[in-house]
Each structure stands twice: as structure tokens, then as C-alpha cells.
Amino acid sequence: MTRIQVNIPAGVSGDFEVAHYTNQTTDRQWQMYLEMKNEAHSNYCVLIKDCCPMPIMQDSEGEYREHQWLWDNATGDVLIGGLGIGMVNEFLINAPNINSVTIIENSQDVIDLVWPHCTKDNRFTLIQADIETWTPPANSHWNVIWFDTWCTDNSMNWMDYKTAMINKYSQYCDIMDFWGSLPGVD
């Protein structure tokens, strides 16, 4: 299976932590994830948020599969909601026909942990803002928008979040999709 491995150093900032888990990590939730997703690698880089029971992002095969829509559609100017562990950057930096990548990340803690260490070049711009409340500049347009910002601690449930983002951003893009969407299901 395919996987994008990242090399972000372990660290803690505020409510967030970048950790390096192994397939031997004793955390029961992590072991259940590995079993459920049929993961077999020995090392993983994970982003943990204090209030979430599972890592909110990891450089796993499962995470790669959950981003397949983005891998298949990324072209031109791309807007990404959420920095995570910078895994998306690893793919987009080598993707053909990428003009620009704008990443909106809400948490300064995530930015401090990940941005200095993740892959990027002059096409990548990071904006510290909340994708749910950020207002794009006038006449903004992206070919593709990818949302990877919803967590279980969000005040909106998954479907309300998805509807709100579609209503807010559809005027700014050609196509969009979300982490957690099932292929062929809206």
C-alpha cells in the first residue's frame, strides 16, 4: 500500500503534540486503529490533540487513502483547510500542475510544531486563521479546495460542518471535498 511518511520532530505546544508511535505503542486506541486499518509499518508520525481520543492525523496508509480524492484532483491553485503534520505538502510539492497552495490553519500550536519542519517551497502560503470564520480576499479563486479541519470537539456535527463549508466556499472554487467523505457519497 501507499503511504506518505513525514519527518516532523516530536514536540508539545499547548493542547497539541507531535509524537512518534510504533506498532508496539501500548496505547489501546492506537492498537485498535492499526488493526482496523490493517496497518503494518513500524513507525508513524502522529498529531495528537488533548481532547481527542485518537491522533487527529498520522502518516499512515489509511490517512493516505482518506486523501485519495485530493491526490486525484489537485491541480492549479489549491486551498487546504488544516496543516496537520504536513503530509499533504509532501504530495503537493511534487504533483504536476500545482501553481499555489494556500493552507489555513487555526492553531498557532500546530503551526509552531509543524510548519518549520514540513516540506514546502515558494508556492506554499500559510495563513493562521479558522477556516470556518476566515473570509477569503475579494476575487479569490481556487481550482481545488480540500477540508481537513473537523475534529470531534467541533461545535458542529460532521454534516453541519460540511454543509457550512460548501455554502461558504463553493463560490471560490471549481471543486471541493473533505477528509472523511466516502467516495461517491455526499
N, C-alpha and C. Protein backbone atom coordinates (compact mmCIF):
# COMPACT_ATOMS: atom_id res chain seq x y z
N MET A 1 0.83 -1.19 0.00
CA MET A 1 0.00 0.00 0.00
C MET A 1 0.87 1.25 0.00
N THR A 2 0.26 2.35 -0.37
CA THR A 2 0.98 3.61 -0.45
C THR A 2 0.83 4.41 0.84
N ARG A 3 1.90 5.11 1.14
CA ARG A 3 1.94 5.91 2.36
C ARG A 3 2.89 7.07 2.11
N ILE A 4 2.58 8.22 2.68
CA ILE A 4 3.50 9.36 2.66
C ILE A 4 4.04 9.49 4.07
N GLN A 5 5.31 9.24 4.23
CA GLN A 5 5.94 9.34 5.54
C GLN A 5 6.49 10.74 5.72
N VAL A 6 6.25 11.34 6.90
CA VAL A 6 6.77 12.67 7.20
C VAL A 6 7.80 12.57 8.31
N ASN A 7 8.59 13.61 8.42
CA ASN A 7 9.65 13.61 9.42
C ASN A 7 9.55 14.89 10.25
N ILE A 8 8.50 15.01 11.01
CA ILE A 8 8.31 16.15 11.90
C ILE A 8 8.82 15.75 13.28
N PRO A 9 9.68 16.56 13.90
CA PRO A 9 10.20 16.18 15.22
C PRO A 9 9.10 16.11 16.27
N ALA A 10 9.28 15.22 17.22
CA ALA A 10 8.36 15.13 18.35
C ALA A 10 8.42 16.43 19.15
N GLY A 11 7.28 16.84 19.68
CA GLY A 11 7.23 18.05 20.48
C GLY A 11 5.82 18.31 20.99
N VAL A 12 5.72 19.22 21.93
CA VAL A 12 4.44 19.61 22.52
C VAL A 12 4.33 21.12 22.49
N SER A 13 3.14 21.60 22.13
CA SER A 13 2.84 23.02 22.19
C SER A 13 1.36 23.16 22.52
N GLY A 14 1.07 23.74 23.67
CA GLY A 14 -0.33 23.91 24.08
C GLY A 14 -1.03 22.58 24.18
N ASP A 15 -2.19 22.47 23.53
CA ASP A 15 -3.00 21.25 23.55
C ASP A 15 -2.58 20.22 22.51
N PHE A 16 -1.52 20.50 21.76
CA PHE A 16 -1.12 19.63 20.65
C PHE A 16 0.23 18.99 20.91
N GLU A 17 0.39 17.80 20.34
CA GLU A 17 1.64 17.08 20.43
C GLU A 17 1.91 16.38 19.11
N VAL A 18 3.14 16.45 18.64
CA VAL A 18 3.60 15.58 17.57
C VAL A 18 4.39 14.48 18.26
N ALA A 19 3.98 13.25 18.01
CA ALA A 19 4.63 12.10 18.64
C ALA A 19 5.01 11.09 17.56
N HIS A 20 5.92 10.23 17.91
CA HIS A 20 6.31 9.13 17.03
C HIS A 20 5.85 7.85 17.68
N TYR A 21 4.87 7.22 17.06
CA TYR A 21 4.32 5.96 17.56
C TYR A 21 4.94 4.83 16.75
N THR A 22 4.97 3.68 17.37
CA THR A 22 5.40 2.47 16.66
C THR A 22 4.26 1.48 16.67
N ASN A 23 4.45 0.38 15.97
CA ASN A 23 3.42 -0.65 16.01
C ASN A 23 3.43 -1.37 17.35
N GLN A 24 4.38 -1.01 18.21
CA GLN A 24 4.46 -1.58 19.56
C GLN A 24 3.94 -0.62 20.63
N THR A 25 3.51 0.59 20.25
CA THR A 25 2.98 1.55 21.21
C THR A 25 1.82 0.90 21.96
N THR A 26 1.81 1.01 23.27
CA THR A 26 0.85 0.28 24.09
C THR A 26 -0.53 0.94 24.18
N ASP A 27 -0.69 2.14 23.67
CA ASP A 27 -1.99 2.80 23.71
C ASP A 27 -3.03 1.92 23.01
N ARG A 28 -4.08 1.54 23.72
CA ARG A 28 -5.08 0.60 23.19
C ARG A 28 -5.82 1.18 21.99
N GLN A 29 -6.16 2.47 22.03
CA GLN A 29 -6.84 3.10 20.89
C GLN A 29 -5.96 3.02 19.65
N TRP A 30 -4.65 3.24 19.80
CA TRP A 30 -3.74 3.19 18.66
C TRP A 30 -3.65 1.77 18.13
N GLN A 31 -3.56 0.79 19.00
CA GLN A 31 -3.50 -0.61 18.57
C GLN A 31 -4.78 -1.00 17.82
N MET A 32 -5.92 -0.52 18.29
CA MET A 32 -7.18 -0.80 17.59
C MET A 32 -7.18 -0.17 16.21
N TYR A 33 -6.65 1.05 16.10
CA TYR A 33 -6.55 1.71 14.79
C TYR A 33 -5.70 0.88 13.84
N LEU A 34 -4.53 0.45 14.31
CA LEU A 34 -3.63 -0.33 13.46
C LEU A 34 -4.31 -1.61 12.97
N GLU A 35 -5.03 -2.25 13.87
CA GLU A 35 -5.73 -3.49 13.50
C GLU A 35 -6.87 -3.21 12.53
N MET A 36 -7.66 -2.19 12.83
CA MET A 36 -8.82 -1.87 12.00
C MET A 36 -8.40 -1.48 10.58
N LYS A 37 -7.33 -0.71 10.46
CA LYS A 37 -6.88 -0.22 9.16
C LYS A 37 -5.87 -1.16 8.51
N ASN A 38 -5.53 -2.27 9.17
CA ASN A 38 -4.58 -3.23 8.64
C ASN A 38 -3.23 -2.57 8.35
N GLU A 39 -2.78 -1.77 9.30
CA GLU A 39 -1.50 -1.06 9.18
C GLU A 39 -0.37 -1.96 9.67
N ALA A 40 0.75 -1.94 8.97
CA ALA A 40 1.83 -2.85 9.34
C ALA A 40 3.20 -2.19 9.38
N HIS A 41 3.25 -0.86 9.39
CA HIS A 41 4.55 -0.19 9.43
C HIS A 41 5.09 -0.16 10.85
N SER A 42 6.37 0.06 10.98
CA SER A 42 6.95 0.05 12.32
C SER A 42 6.94 1.42 12.98
N ASN A 43 6.88 2.51 12.20
CA ASN A 43 6.93 3.85 12.78
C ASN A 43 5.90 4.76 12.13
N TYR A 44 5.32 5.66 12.96
CA TYR A 44 4.34 6.62 12.48
C TYR A 44 4.58 7.96 13.16
N CYS A 45 4.35 9.03 12.41
CA CYS A 45 4.34 10.37 12.97
C CYS A 45 2.87 10.73 13.17
N VAL A 46 2.49 11.16 14.37
CA VAL A 46 1.09 11.43 14.67
C VAL A 46 0.94 12.82 15.28
N LEU A 47 -0.21 13.44 15.02
CA LEU A 47 -0.59 14.70 15.64
C LEU A 47 -1.70 14.40 16.62
N ILE A 48 -1.49 14.78 17.87
CA ILE A 48 -2.43 14.49 18.94
C ILE A 48 -2.97 15.82 19.49
N LYS A 49 -4.27 15.84 19.75
CA LYS A 49 -4.91 16.97 20.42
C LYS A 49 -5.46 16.44 21.73
N ASP A 50 -5.19 17.14 22.84
CA ASP A 50 -5.56 16.66 24.17
C ASP A 50 -6.98 16.12 24.28
N CYS A 51 -7.94 16.80 23.66
CA CYS A 51 -9.34 16.43 23.88
C CYS A 51 -9.84 15.34 22.93
N CYS A 52 -9.00 14.85 22.04
CA CYS A 52 -9.44 13.85 21.07
C CYS A 52 -8.90 12.47 21.46
N PRO A 53 -9.73 11.44 21.40
CA PRO A 53 -9.29 10.12 21.86
C PRO A 53 -8.24 9.46 20.97
N MET A 54 -8.21 9.82 19.69
CA MET A 54 -7.25 9.24 18.74
C MET A 54 -6.42 10.37 18.15
N PRO A 55 -5.22 10.05 17.64
CA PRO A 55 -4.48 11.08 16.90
C PRO A 55 -5.36 11.68 15.81
N ILE A 56 -5.23 12.99 15.60
CA ILE A 56 -6.07 13.63 14.59
C ILE A 56 -5.46 13.52 13.20
N MET A 57 -4.21 13.14 13.12
CA MET A 57 -3.59 12.85 11.82
C MET A 57 -2.38 11.98 12.05
N GLN A 58 -2.11 11.11 11.09
CA GLN A 58 -0.93 10.26 11.15
C GLN A 58 -0.48 9.94 9.73
N ASP A 59 0.79 9.64 9.57
CA ASP A 59 1.31 9.32 8.23
C ASP A 59 1.15 7.83 7.95
N SER A 60 -0.09 7.42 7.87
CA SER A 60 -0.43 6.01 7.69
C SER A 60 -1.00 5.76 6.30
N GLU A 61 -1.10 4.48 5.96
CA GLU A 61 -1.75 4.10 4.70
C GLU A 61 -3.21 4.52 4.71
N GLY A 62 -3.87 4.36 5.86
CA GLY A 62 -5.27 4.75 5.98
C GLY A 62 -5.47 6.23 5.73
N GLU A 63 -4.59 7.05 6.30
CA GLU A 63 -4.68 8.50 6.08
C GLU A 63 -4.45 8.83 4.60
N TYR A 64 -3.50 8.16 3.99
CA TYR A 64 -3.25 8.36 2.56
C TYR A 64 -4.50 8.04 1.74
N ARG A 65 -5.13 6.90 2.02
CA ARG A 65 -6.36 6.53 1.30
C ARG A 65 -7.47 7.55 1.51
N GLU A 66 -7.57 8.09 2.73
CA GLU A 66 -8.62 9.06 3.03
C GLU A 66 -8.39 10.39 2.31
N HIS A 67 -7.22 10.60 1.76
CA HIS A 67 -6.90 11.79 0.98
C HIS A 67 -6.91 11.52 -0.53
N GLN A 68 -7.32 10.34 -0.95
CA GLN A 68 -7.23 9.95 -2.36
C GLN A 68 -7.90 10.95 -3.30
N TRP A 69 -9.04 11.49 -2.90
CA TRP A 69 -9.72 12.47 -3.76
C TRP A 69 -8.79 13.65 -4.05
N LEU A 70 -8.10 14.13 -3.02
CA LEU A 70 -7.16 15.25 -3.22
C LEU A 70 -6.03 14.83 -4.15
N TRP A 71 -5.45 13.67 -3.94
CA TRP A 71 -4.35 13.21 -4.80
C TRP A 71 -4.81 13.13 -6.26
N ASP A 72 -6.04 12.72 -6.49
CA ASP A 72 -6.56 12.56 -7.85
C ASP A 72 -6.96 13.88 -8.50
N ASN A 73 -7.23 14.91 -7.72
CA ASN A 73 -7.81 16.14 -8.27
C ASN A 73 -6.96 17.40 -8.11
N ALA A 74 -5.89 17.34 -7.35
CA ALA A 74 -5.09 18.54 -7.08
C ALA A 74 -4.43 19.05 -8.36
N THR A 75 -4.76 20.30 -8.68
CA THR A 75 -4.17 20.97 -9.84
C THR A 75 -4.36 22.48 -9.67
N GLY A 76 -3.52 23.24 -10.33
CA GLY A 76 -3.68 24.69 -10.31
C GLY A 76 -3.45 25.29 -8.94
N ASP A 77 -4.41 26.10 -8.51
CA ASP A 77 -4.35 26.75 -7.21
C ASP A 77 -5.21 25.95 -6.23
N VAL A 78 -4.61 25.61 -5.09
CA VAL A 78 -5.24 24.71 -4.13
C VAL A 78 -5.35 25.42 -2.78
N LEU A 79 -6.51 25.32 -2.16
CA LEU A 79 -6.73 25.80 -0.80
C LEU A 79 -6.92 24.59 0.09
N ILE A 80 -6.16 24.54 1.18
CA ILE A 80 -6.22 23.42 2.12
C ILE A 80 -6.66 23.96 3.47
N GLY A 81 -7.70 23.37 4.02
CA GLY A 81 -8.10 23.67 5.39
C GLY A 81 -7.42 22.69 6.32
N GLY A 82 -6.42 23.15 7.06
CA GLY A 82 -5.72 22.31 8.03
C GLY A 82 -4.32 21.93 7.61
N LEU A 83 -3.35 22.20 8.48
CA LEU A 83 -1.94 21.85 8.21
C LEU A 83 -1.64 20.42 8.62
N GLY A 84 -2.22 19.96 9.71
CA GLY A 84 -1.92 18.61 10.19
C GLY A 84 -0.44 18.43 10.42
N ILE A 85 0.11 17.31 9.96
CA ILE A 85 1.54 17.02 10.08
C ILE A 85 2.29 17.33 8.78
N GLY A 86 1.64 18.07 7.87
CA GLY A 86 2.30 18.46 6.63
C GLY A 86 2.36 17.35 5.60
N MET A 87 1.59 16.30 5.78
CA MET A 87 1.59 15.18 4.83
C MET A 87 1.12 15.63 3.44
N VAL A 88 0.13 16.50 3.40
CA VAL A 88 -0.39 17.00 2.12
C VAL A 88 0.72 17.71 1.36
N ASN A 89 1.54 18.47 2.07
CA ASN A 89 2.65 19.18 1.43
C ASN A 89 3.59 18.22 0.71
N GLU A 90 3.87 17.08 1.35
CA GLU A 90 4.77 16.09 0.76
C GLU A 90 4.29 15.64 -0.60
N PHE A 91 2.98 15.51 -0.75
CA PHE A 91 2.42 15.09 -2.04
C PHE A 91 2.38 16.26 -3.02
N LEU A 92 1.85 17.40 -2.57
CA LEU A 92 1.61 18.52 -3.49
C LEU A 92 2.88 19.15 -4.05
N ILE A 93 3.97 19.08 -3.32
CA ILE A 93 5.20 19.70 -3.80
C ILE A 93 5.69 19.04 -5.08
N ASN A 94 5.36 17.75 -5.27
CA ASN A 94 5.78 17.02 -6.46
C ASN A 94 4.66 16.76 -7.44
N ALA A 95 3.45 17.22 -7.12
CA ALA A 95 2.31 16.99 -8.02
C ALA A 95 2.44 17.88 -9.25
N PRO A 96 2.16 17.36 -10.43
CA PRO A 96 2.24 18.20 -11.63
C PRO A 96 1.15 19.27 -11.63
N ASN A 97 1.45 20.38 -12.23
CA ASN A 97 0.48 21.44 -12.45
C ASN A 97 -0.04 22.13 -11.20
N ILE A 98 0.74 22.17 -10.13
CA ILE A 98 0.36 22.92 -8.93
C ILE A 98 0.99 24.31 -9.03
N ASN A 99 0.14 25.33 -9.06
CA ASN A 99 0.62 26.71 -9.11
C ASN A 99 0.84 27.28 -7.72
N SER A 100 -0.13 27.04 -6.83
CA SER A 100 -0.03 27.58 -5.47
C SER A 100 -0.82 26.69 -4.52
N VAL A 101 -0.37 26.71 -3.26
CA VAL A 101 -1.06 26.00 -2.20
C VAL A 101 -1.21 26.98 -1.04
N THR A 102 -2.44 27.27 -0.67
CA THR A 102 -2.73 28.13 0.47
C THR A 102 -3.30 27.25 1.56
N ILE A 103 -2.66 27.28 2.73
CA ILE A 103 -3.09 26.45 3.86
C ILE A 103 -3.62 27.37 4.95
N ILE A 104 -4.83 27.08 5.41
CA ILE A 104 -5.43 27.81 6.52
C ILE A 104 -5.37 26.90 7.74
N GLU A 105 -4.64 27.34 8.76
CA GLU A 105 -4.51 26.56 10.00
C GLU A 105 -4.92 27.42 11.18
N ASN A 106 -5.84 26.91 11.96
CA ASN A 106 -6.39 27.63 13.10
C ASN A 106 -5.42 27.74 14.27
N SER A 107 -4.68 26.69 14.54
CA SER A 107 -3.90 26.60 15.76
C SER A 107 -2.46 27.07 15.59
N GLN A 108 -2.10 28.09 16.34
CA GLN A 108 -0.70 28.54 16.34
C GLN A 108 0.20 27.44 16.88
N ASP A 109 -0.33 26.61 17.79
CA ASP A 109 0.47 25.50 18.33
C ASP A 109 0.84 24.50 17.23
N VAL A 110 -0.11 24.14 16.37
CA VAL A 110 0.18 23.24 15.26
C VAL A 110 1.20 23.89 14.31
N ILE A 111 1.01 25.16 14.03
CA ILE A 111 1.96 25.88 13.17
C ILE A 111 3.36 25.81 13.76
N ASP A 112 3.48 26.09 15.06
CA ASP A 112 4.79 26.08 15.71
C ASP A 112 5.44 24.70 15.66
N LEU A 113 4.65 23.65 15.81
CA LEU A 113 5.19 22.29 15.81
C LEU A 113 5.57 21.79 14.42
N VAL A 114 4.78 22.18 13.39
CA VAL A 114 4.90 21.53 12.08
C VAL A 114 5.52 22.42 11.01
N TRP A 115 5.07 23.66 10.86
CA TRP A 115 5.46 24.50 9.73
C TRP A 115 6.98 24.64 9.54
N PRO A 116 7.76 24.84 10.60
CA PRO A 116 9.20 24.98 10.38
C PRO A 116 9.86 23.72 9.81
N HIS A 117 9.20 22.57 9.94
CA HIS A 117 9.82 21.30 9.58
C HIS A 117 9.21 20.61 8.37
N CYS A 118 8.06 21.09 7.89
CA CYS A 118 7.39 20.38 6.80
C CYS A 118 7.90 20.84 5.44
N THR A 119 7.70 19.99 4.46
CA THR A 119 8.11 20.27 3.09
C THR A 119 7.30 21.42 2.53
N LYS A 120 7.98 22.35 1.87
CA LYS A 120 7.30 23.49 1.23
C LYS A 120 8.29 24.20 0.33
N ASP A 121 7.75 24.98 -0.59
CA ASP A 121 8.58 25.87 -1.41
C ASP A 121 7.82 27.19 -1.55
N ASN A 122 8.23 28.03 -2.49
CA ASN A 122 7.63 29.37 -2.60
C ASN A 122 6.18 29.35 -3.08
N ARG A 123 5.66 28.21 -3.49
CA ARG A 123 4.24 28.12 -3.88
C ARG A 123 3.32 27.94 -2.67
N PHE A 124 3.90 27.64 -1.50
CA PHE A 124 3.12 27.35 -0.30
C PHE A 124 3.01 28.60 0.58
N THR A 125 1.77 28.91 0.96
CA THR A 125 1.49 30.03 1.85
C THR A 125 0.67 29.51 3.02
N LEU A 126 1.04 29.90 4.21
CA LEU A 126 0.31 29.52 5.41
C LEU A 126 -0.36 30.76 6.00
N ILE A 127 -1.64 30.63 6.32
CA ILE A 127 -2.40 31.70 6.96
C ILE A 127 -2.94 31.15 8.28
N GLN A 128 -2.62 31.83 9.37
CA GLN A 128 -3.15 31.42 10.67
C GLN A 128 -4.53 32.03 10.82
N ALA A 129 -5.55 31.17 10.66
CA ALA A 129 -6.95 31.60 10.74
C ALA A 129 -7.82 30.36 10.87
N ASP A 130 -9.06 30.57 11.23
CA ASP A 130 -10.04 29.48 11.33
C ASP A 130 -10.78 29.39 10.01
N ILE A 131 -10.70 28.27 9.33
CA ILE A 131 -11.34 28.10 8.02
C ILE A 131 -12.85 28.33 8.12
N GLU A 132 -13.43 28.10 9.29
CA GLU A 132 -14.87 28.29 9.46
C GLU A 132 -15.27 29.77 9.48
N THR A 133 -14.36 30.65 9.89
CA THR A 133 -14.69 32.08 10.01
C THR A 133 -13.86 32.98 9.10
N TRP A 134 -12.79 32.46 8.51
CA TRP A 134 -11.91 33.23 7.64
C TRP A 134 -12.67 33.70 6.41
N THR A 135 -12.41 34.93 6.00
CA THR A 135 -13.02 35.47 4.79
C THR A 135 -11.95 35.54 3.70
N PRO A 136 -12.12 34.81 2.61
CA PRO A 136 -11.14 34.89 1.52
C PRO A 136 -11.09 36.31 0.94
N PRO A 137 -9.92 36.73 0.49
CA PRO A 137 -9.82 38.05 -0.14
C PRO A 137 -10.76 38.16 -1.35
N ALA A 138 -11.16 39.37 -1.65
CA ALA A 138 -12.04 39.61 -2.80
C ALA A 138 -11.45 38.99 -4.06
N ASN A 139 -12.29 38.45 -4.91
CA ASN A 139 -11.92 37.83 -6.18
C ASN A 139 -11.03 36.59 -6.05
N SER A 140 -11.02 35.98 -4.88
CA SER A 140 -10.23 34.75 -4.69
C SER A 140 -10.86 33.61 -5.48
N HIS A 141 -10.00 32.76 -6.01
CA HIS A 141 -10.48 31.56 -6.70
C HIS A 141 -9.41 30.49 -6.60
N TRP A 142 -9.87 29.27 -6.28
CA TRP A 142 -9.00 28.11 -6.25
C TRP A 142 -9.60 27.04 -7.15
N ASN A 143 -8.74 26.31 -7.81
CA ASN A 143 -9.22 25.19 -8.62
C ASN A 143 -9.78 24.09 -7.73
N VAL A 144 -9.11 23.87 -6.60
CA VAL A 144 -9.46 22.78 -5.70
C VAL A 144 -9.39 23.27 -4.26
N ILE A 145 -10.39 22.88 -3.47
CA ILE A 145 -10.35 23.12 -2.02
C ILE A 145 -10.51 21.77 -1.32
N TRP A 146 -9.66 21.56 -0.33
CA TRP A 146 -9.70 20.34 0.47
C TRP A 146 -9.81 20.73 1.94
N PHE A 147 -10.82 20.19 2.61
CA PHE A 147 -11.05 20.49 4.03
C PHE A 147 -10.64 19.29 4.89
N ASP A 148 -9.73 19.56 5.83
CA ASP A 148 -9.29 18.52 6.76
C ASP A 148 -9.17 19.15 8.14
N THR A 149 -10.27 19.80 8.59
CA THR A 149 -10.21 20.55 9.84
C THR A 149 -11.23 20.12 10.88
N TRP A 150 -12.18 19.29 10.53
CA TRP A 150 -13.20 18.92 11.51
C TRP A 150 -12.64 17.90 12.49
N CYS A 151 -12.82 18.16 13.79
CA CYS A 151 -12.45 17.23 14.85
C CYS A 151 -13.68 16.99 15.72
N THR A 152 -13.61 15.99 16.54
CA THR A 152 -14.75 15.64 17.38
C THR A 152 -15.10 16.73 18.39
N ASP A 153 -14.20 17.66 18.65
CA ASP A 153 -14.50 18.74 19.59
C ASP A 153 -15.15 19.95 18.92
N ASN A 154 -15.44 19.85 17.62
CA ASN A 154 -16.09 20.94 16.90
C ASN A 154 -17.52 21.11 17.41
N SER A 155 -17.98 22.36 17.49
CA SER A 155 -19.35 22.61 17.96
C SER A 155 -20.40 22.14 16.94
N MET A 156 -19.99 21.98 15.68
CA MET A 156 -20.89 21.47 14.65
C MET A 156 -20.65 19.98 14.47
N ASN A 157 -21.72 19.24 14.19
CA ASN A 157 -21.52 17.85 13.84
C ASN A 157 -20.95 17.80 12.42
N TRP A 158 -20.51 16.61 11.99
CA TRP A 158 -19.83 16.45 10.70
C TRP A 158 -20.66 16.98 9.53
N MET A 159 -21.93 16.62 9.47
CA MET A 159 -22.76 17.04 8.33
C MET A 159 -23.03 18.55 8.34
N ASP A 160 -23.24 19.14 9.51
CA ASP A 160 -23.44 20.59 9.58
C ASP A 160 -22.17 21.33 9.17
N TYR A 161 -21.02 20.83 9.60
CA TYR A 161 -19.74 21.41 9.21
C TYR A 161 -19.58 21.36 7.69
N LYS A 162 -19.82 20.19 7.12
CA LYS A 162 -19.68 20.01 5.68
C LYS A 162 -20.61 20.96 4.92
N THR A 163 -21.85 21.05 5.34
CA THR A 163 -22.81 21.94 4.70
C THR A 163 -22.36 23.40 4.81
N ALA A 164 -21.89 23.79 5.98
CA ALA A 164 -21.43 25.18 6.18
C ALA A 164 -20.25 25.51 5.27
N MET A 165 -19.31 24.57 5.13
CA MET A 165 -18.14 24.83 4.29
C MET A 165 -18.54 24.87 2.80
N ILE A 166 -19.43 24.01 2.38
CA ILE A 166 -19.91 24.05 0.99
C ILE A 166 -20.60 25.39 0.72
N ASN A 167 -21.46 25.81 1.62
CA ASN A 167 -22.17 27.08 1.44
C ASN A 167 -21.21 28.26 1.41
N LYS A 168 -20.19 28.23 2.24
CA LYS A 168 -19.26 29.35 2.34
C LYS A 168 -18.26 29.40 1.17
N TYR A 169 -17.76 28.25 0.74
CA TYR A 169 -16.62 28.24 -0.18
C TYR A 169 -16.93 27.84 -1.63
N SER A 170 -18.11 27.35 -1.93
CA SER A 170 -18.37 26.88 -3.29
C SER A 170 -18.22 28.00 -4.32
N GLN A 171 -18.47 29.22 -3.93
CA GLN A 171 -18.31 30.34 -4.87
C GLN A 171 -16.84 30.63 -5.20
N TYR A 172 -15.92 30.07 -4.43
CA TYR A 172 -14.49 30.36 -4.59
C TYR A 172 -13.71 29.27 -5.31
N CYS A 173 -14.40 28.20 -5.76
CA CYS A 173 -13.62 27.10 -6.32
C CYS A 173 -14.36 26.38 -7.44
N ASP A 174 -13.58 25.58 -8.16
CA ASP A 174 -14.17 24.70 -9.17
C ASP A 174 -14.72 23.43 -8.53
N ILE A 175 -13.91 22.81 -7.64
CA ILE A 175 -14.34 21.59 -6.95
C ILE A 175 -13.80 21.59 -5.53
N MET A 176 -14.47 20.86 -4.64
CA MET A 176 -14.02 20.73 -3.25
C MET A 176 -14.43 19.37 -2.72
N ASP A 177 -13.70 18.95 -1.67
CA ASP A 177 -14.08 17.74 -0.97
C ASP A 177 -13.50 17.80 0.44
N PHE A 178 -13.76 16.75 1.21
CA PHE A 178 -13.47 16.72 2.63
C PHE A 178 -12.82 15.43 3.05
N TRP A 179 -11.88 15.52 3.99
CA TRP A 179 -11.41 14.32 4.65
C TRP A 179 -12.63 13.71 5.34
N GLY A 180 -12.72 12.41 5.29
CA GLY A 180 -13.83 11.74 5.94
C GLY A 180 -15.01 11.49 5.01
N SER A 181 -14.97 12.05 3.80
CA SER A 181 -16.04 11.76 2.84
C SER A 181 -15.80 10.39 2.24
N LEU A 182 -16.85 9.71 1.95
CA LEU A 182 -16.72 8.41 1.29
C LEU A 182 -16.83 8.62 -0.21
N PRO A 183 -15.99 7.98 -1.00
CA PRO A 183 -16.07 8.13 -2.45
C PRO A 183 -17.48 7.84 -2.97
N GLY A 184 -17.99 8.76 -3.76
CA GLY A 184 -19.30 8.59 -4.36
C GLY A 184 -20.47 8.86 -3.44
N VAL A 185 -20.20 9.32 -2.21
CA VAL A 185 -21.27 9.60 -1.26
C VAL A 185 -21.20 11.06 -0.84
N ASP A 186 -22.31 11.77 -0.92
CA ASP A 186 -22.34 13.17 -0.47
C ASP A 186 -22.93 13.27 0.91
